[in-house]
Amino acid sequence: QVQLVESGGGLVQPGGSLRLSCVVSGVTASIYAMGWYRQAPGKQREAVAIITSGGSPNYADSVKGRFTISRDNAKNTVYLQMNSLNSTDTAVYYCKATLWDGSAIIYWGQGTQVTVSS
């Protein structure tokens, strides 16, 4: 069974950094794309950063220039380097994997809490 496990969340002060990791296991198909989404209390889940199998990244405007997404295809792992964090980054961050088995199949991780606070 496909499983996504996020790690690296925690409490950080404004201006600090965190690095999130997401490991995908149980994959029997190619991972077409992976991404990070976040959901703050009372807000809709939003895309933060997405990276394709070819390594092309896309970022939300709110994190552009501060966050960097990368992936290790051999390890089925995606990372999110988060710098210059501020309070608006506080949310549960979810890893998403889009598999391709003739059609797209979506899997989500359980989420990891990121809290930016003084």
C-alpha atoms as a PDB file:
ATOM      1  CA  GLN A   1       0.000   0.000   0.000  1.00  0.00           C
ATOM      2  CA  VAL A   2       1.288   3.439  -0.867  1.00  0.00           C
ATOM      3  CA  GLN A   3       2.265   5.488   2.135  1.00  0.00           C
ATOM      4  CA  LEU A   4       3.582   9.024   2.424  1.00  0.00           C
ATOM      5  CA  VAL A   5       5.354  10.028   5.618  1.00  0.00           C
ATOM      6  CA  GLU A   6       6.257  13.637   6.312  1.00  0.00           C
ATOM      7  CA  SER A   7       8.829  14.735   8.836  1.00  0.00           C
ATOM      8  CA  GLY A   8      10.734  17.824   9.843  1.00  0.00           C
ATOM      9  CA  GLY A   9       7.974  20.011  11.175  1.00  0.00           C
ATOM     10  CA  GLY A  10       8.138  21.761  14.478  1.00  0.00           C
ATOM     11  CA  LEU A  11       8.275  25.085  16.247  1.00  0.00           C
ATOM     12  CA  VAL A  12      10.534  27.770  14.844  1.00  0.00           C
ATOM     13  CA  GLN A  13      10.971  31.478  15.452  1.00  0.00           C
ATOM     14  CA  PRO A  14      10.219  34.036  12.751  1.00  0.00           C
ATOM     15  CA  GLY A  15      13.103  34.246  10.340  1.00  0.00           C
ATOM     16  CA  GLY A  16      14.117  30.689  11.040  1.00  0.00           C
ATOM     17  CA  SER A  17      14.300  27.681   8.785  1.00  0.00           C
ATOM     18  CA  LEU A  18      12.964  24.162   8.595  1.00  0.00           C
ATOM     19  CA  ARG A  19      13.455  21.340   6.163  1.00  0.00           C
ATOM     20  CA  LEU A  20      10.551  19.021   5.534  1.00  0.00           C
ATOM     21  CA  SER A  21      10.930  15.559   4.083  1.00  0.00           C
ATOM     22  CA  CYS A  22       8.398  13.226   2.558  1.00  0.00           C
ATOM     23  CA  VAL A  23       9.185   9.605   1.832  1.00  0.00           C
ATOM     24  CA  VAL A  24       6.899   7.583  -0.399  1.00  0.00           C
ATOM     25  CA  SER A  25       6.826   3.831   0.090  1.00  0.00           C
ATOM     26  CA  GLY A  26       4.923   0.995  -1.474  1.00  0.00           C
ATOM     27  CA  VAL A  27       5.007   2.576  -4.894  1.00  0.00           C
ATOM     28  CA  THR A  28       4.471   0.289  -7.844  1.00  0.00           C
ATOM     29  CA  ALA A  29       4.026   3.012 -10.431  1.00  0.00           C
ATOM     30  CA  SER A  30       6.045   5.999 -11.504  1.00  0.00           C
ATOM     31  CA  ILE A  31       5.723   9.149  -9.423  1.00  0.00           C
ATOM     32  CA  TYR A  32       4.770  11.827 -11.878  1.00  0.00           C
ATOM     33  CA  ALA A  33       4.880  14.743  -9.488  1.00  0.00           C
ATOM     34  CA  MET A  34       5.213  15.506  -5.810  1.00  0.00           C
ATOM     35  CA  GLY A  35       4.231  18.550  -3.905  1.00  0.00           C
ATOM     36  CA  TRP A  36       3.720  20.258  -0.618  1.00  0.00           C
ATOM     37  CA  TYR A  37       0.407  21.699   0.461  1.00  0.00           C
ATOM     38  CA  ARG A  38      -0.551  23.436   3.647  1.00  0.00           C
ATOM     39  CA  GLN A  39      -3.676  24.178   5.585  1.00  0.00           C
ATOM     40  CA  ALA A  40      -3.951  26.769   8.305  1.00  0.00           C
ATOM     41  CA  PRO A  41      -6.886  26.822  10.736  1.00  0.00           C
ATOM     42  CA  GLY A  42      -9.960  28.218   9.048  1.00  0.00           C
ATOM     43  CA  LYS A  43      -8.315  28.239   5.649  1.00  0.00           C
ATOM     44  CA  GLN A  44      -8.507  26.092   2.573  1.00  0.00           C
ATOM     45  CA  ARG A  45      -5.673  23.733   1.800  1.00  0.00           C
ATOM     46  CA  GLU A  46      -3.366  25.386  -0.680  1.00  0.00           C
ATOM     47  CA  ALA A  47      -0.491  24.341  -2.861  1.00  0.00           C
ATOM     48  CA  VAL A  48       2.885  25.529  -1.646  1.00  0.00           C
ATOM     49  CA  ALA A  49       5.320  23.931  -4.047  1.00  0.00           C
ATOM     50  CA  ILE A  50       5.139  21.227  -6.679  1.00  0.00           C
ATOM     51  CA  ILE A  51       7.908  19.472  -8.538  1.00  0.00           C
ATOM     52  CA  THR A  52       7.545  17.275 -11.585  1.00  0.00           C
ATOM     53  CA  SER A  53       9.425  14.098 -12.336  1.00  0.00           C
ATOM     54  CA  GLY A  54      11.684  16.152 -14.562  1.00  0.00           C
ATOM     55  CA  GLY A  55      12.570  18.443 -11.702  1.00  0.00           C
ATOM     56  CA  SER A  56      10.641  21.519 -12.760  1.00  0.00           C
ATOM     57  CA  PRO A  57       9.398  23.388  -9.673  1.00  0.00           C
ATOM     58  CA  ASN A  58       6.423  25.635  -9.183  1.00  0.00           C
ATOM     59  CA  TYR A  59       5.818  27.785  -6.130  1.00  0.00           C
ATOM     60  CA  ALA A  60       3.029  29.731  -4.603  1.00  0.00           C
ATOM     61  CA  ASP A  61       3.690  33.446  -4.771  1.00  0.00           C
ATOM     62  CA  SER A  62       3.682  33.651  -0.999  1.00  0.00           C
ATOM     63  CA  VAL A  63       6.707  31.371  -0.678  1.00  0.00           C
ATOM     64  CA  LYS A  64       8.602  32.166  -3.843  1.00  0.00           C
ATOM     65  CA  GLY A  65      12.164  33.088  -3.054  1.00  0.00           C
ATOM     66  CA  ARG A  66      11.964  31.610   0.434  1.00  0.00           C
ATOM     67  CA  PHE A  67      11.125  27.950  -0.107  1.00  0.00           C
ATOM     68  CA  THR A  68      12.890  25.419  -2.280  1.00  0.00           C
ATOM     69  CA  ILE A  69      11.423  22.092  -3.308  1.00  0.00           C
ATOM     70  CA  SER A  70      13.620  19.246  -4.455  1.00  0.00           C
ATOM     71  CA  ARG A  71      13.267  15.531  -4.993  1.00  0.00           C
ATOM     72  CA  ASP A  72      15.321  12.394  -5.081  1.00  0.00           C
ATOM     73  CA  ASN A  73      13.590  10.141  -7.559  1.00  0.00           C
ATOM     74  CA  ALA A  74      15.681   7.121  -6.643  1.00  0.00           C
ATOM     75  CA  LYS A  75      14.549   7.411  -3.031  1.00  0.00           C
ATOM     76  CA  ASN A  76      11.010   8.539  -3.805  1.00  0.00           C
ATOM     77  CA  THR A  77      11.586  11.466  -1.499  1.00  0.00           C
ATOM     78  CA  VAL A  78      10.678  15.112  -1.764  1.00  0.00           C
ATOM     79  CA  TYR A  79      12.061  17.911   0.370  1.00  0.00           C
ATOM     80  CA  LEU A  80      10.946  21.403   1.189  1.00  0.00           C
ATOM     81  CA  GLN A  81      13.583  23.794   2.443  1.00  0.00           C
ATOM     82  CA  MET A  82      11.779  26.610   4.204  1.00  0.00           C
ATOM     83  CA  ASN A  83      13.705  29.790   4.943  1.00  0.00           C
ATOM     84  CA  SER A  84      12.742  33.185   6.309  1.00  0.00           C
ATOM     85  CA  LEU A  85       9.678  31.727   7.936  1.00  0.00           C
ATOM     86  CA  ASN A  86       6.978  34.022   9.228  1.00  0.00           C
ATOM     87  CA  SER A  87       3.716  33.601  11.080  1.00  0.00           C
ATOM     88  CA  THR A  88       1.709  33.203   7.878  1.00  0.00           C
ATOM     89  CA  ASP A  89       3.602  29.979   7.225  1.00  0.00           C
ATOM     90  CA  THR A  90       2.060  28.358  10.283  1.00  0.00           C
ATOM     91  CA  ALA A  91       0.009  25.420   9.066  1.00  0.00           C
ATOM     92  CA  VAL A  92      -0.152  21.686   8.743  1.00  0.00           C
ATOM     93  CA  TYR A  93       1.965  20.752   5.769  1.00  0.00           C
ATOM     94  CA  TYR A  94       0.914  17.806   3.657  1.00  0.00           C
ATOM     95  CA  CYS A  95       2.887  15.877   1.116  1.00  0.00           C
ATOM     96  CA  LYS A  96       1.133  14.892  -2.081  1.00  0.00           C
ATOM     97  CA  ALA A  97       2.260  12.357  -4.637  1.00  0.00           C
ATOM     98  CA  THR A  98       0.790  12.000  -8.080  1.00  0.00           C
ATOM     99  CA  LEU A  99       1.419   8.554  -9.477  1.00  0.00           C
ATOM    100  CA  TRP A 100       0.988   7.576 -13.070  1.00  0.00           C
ATOM    101  CA  ASP A 101      -0.390   4.166 -13.919  1.00  0.00           C
ATOM    102  CA  GLY A 102      -2.089   5.013 -17.152  1.00  0.00           C
ATOM    103  CA  SER A 103      -3.949   7.689 -15.258  1.00  0.00           C
ATOM    104  CA  ALA A 104      -3.192   9.931 -12.308  1.00  0.00           C
ATOM    105  CA  ILE A 105      -3.508   8.505  -8.813  1.00  0.00           C
ATOM    106  CA  ILE A 106      -3.258  10.874  -5.862  1.00  0.00           C
ATOM    107  CA  TYR A 107      -1.923  10.050  -2.403  1.00  0.00           C
ATOM    108  CA  TRP A 108      -1.614  12.270   0.641  1.00  0.00           C
ATOM    109  CA  GLY A 109       0.553  12.128   3.698  1.00  0.00           C
ATOM    110  CA  GLN A 110      -0.718  12.541   7.229  1.00  0.00           C
ATOM    111  CA  GLY A 111       0.680  16.031   7.616  1.00  0.00           C
ATOM    112  CA  THR A 112       3.293  17.640   9.802  1.00  0.00           C
ATOM    113  CA  GLN A 113       2.737  20.732  11.911  1.00  0.00           C
ATOM    114  CA  VAL A 114       4.827  23.819  11.290  1.00  0.00           C
ATOM    115  CA  THR A 115       4.450  26.591  13.831  1.00  0.00           C
ATOM    116  CA  VAL A 116       6.241  29.905  13.451  1.00  0.00           C
ATOM    117  CA  SER A 117       6.060  31.872  16.657  1.00  0.00           C
ATOM    118  CA  SER A 118       8.121  34.018  18.967  1.00  0.00           C
END
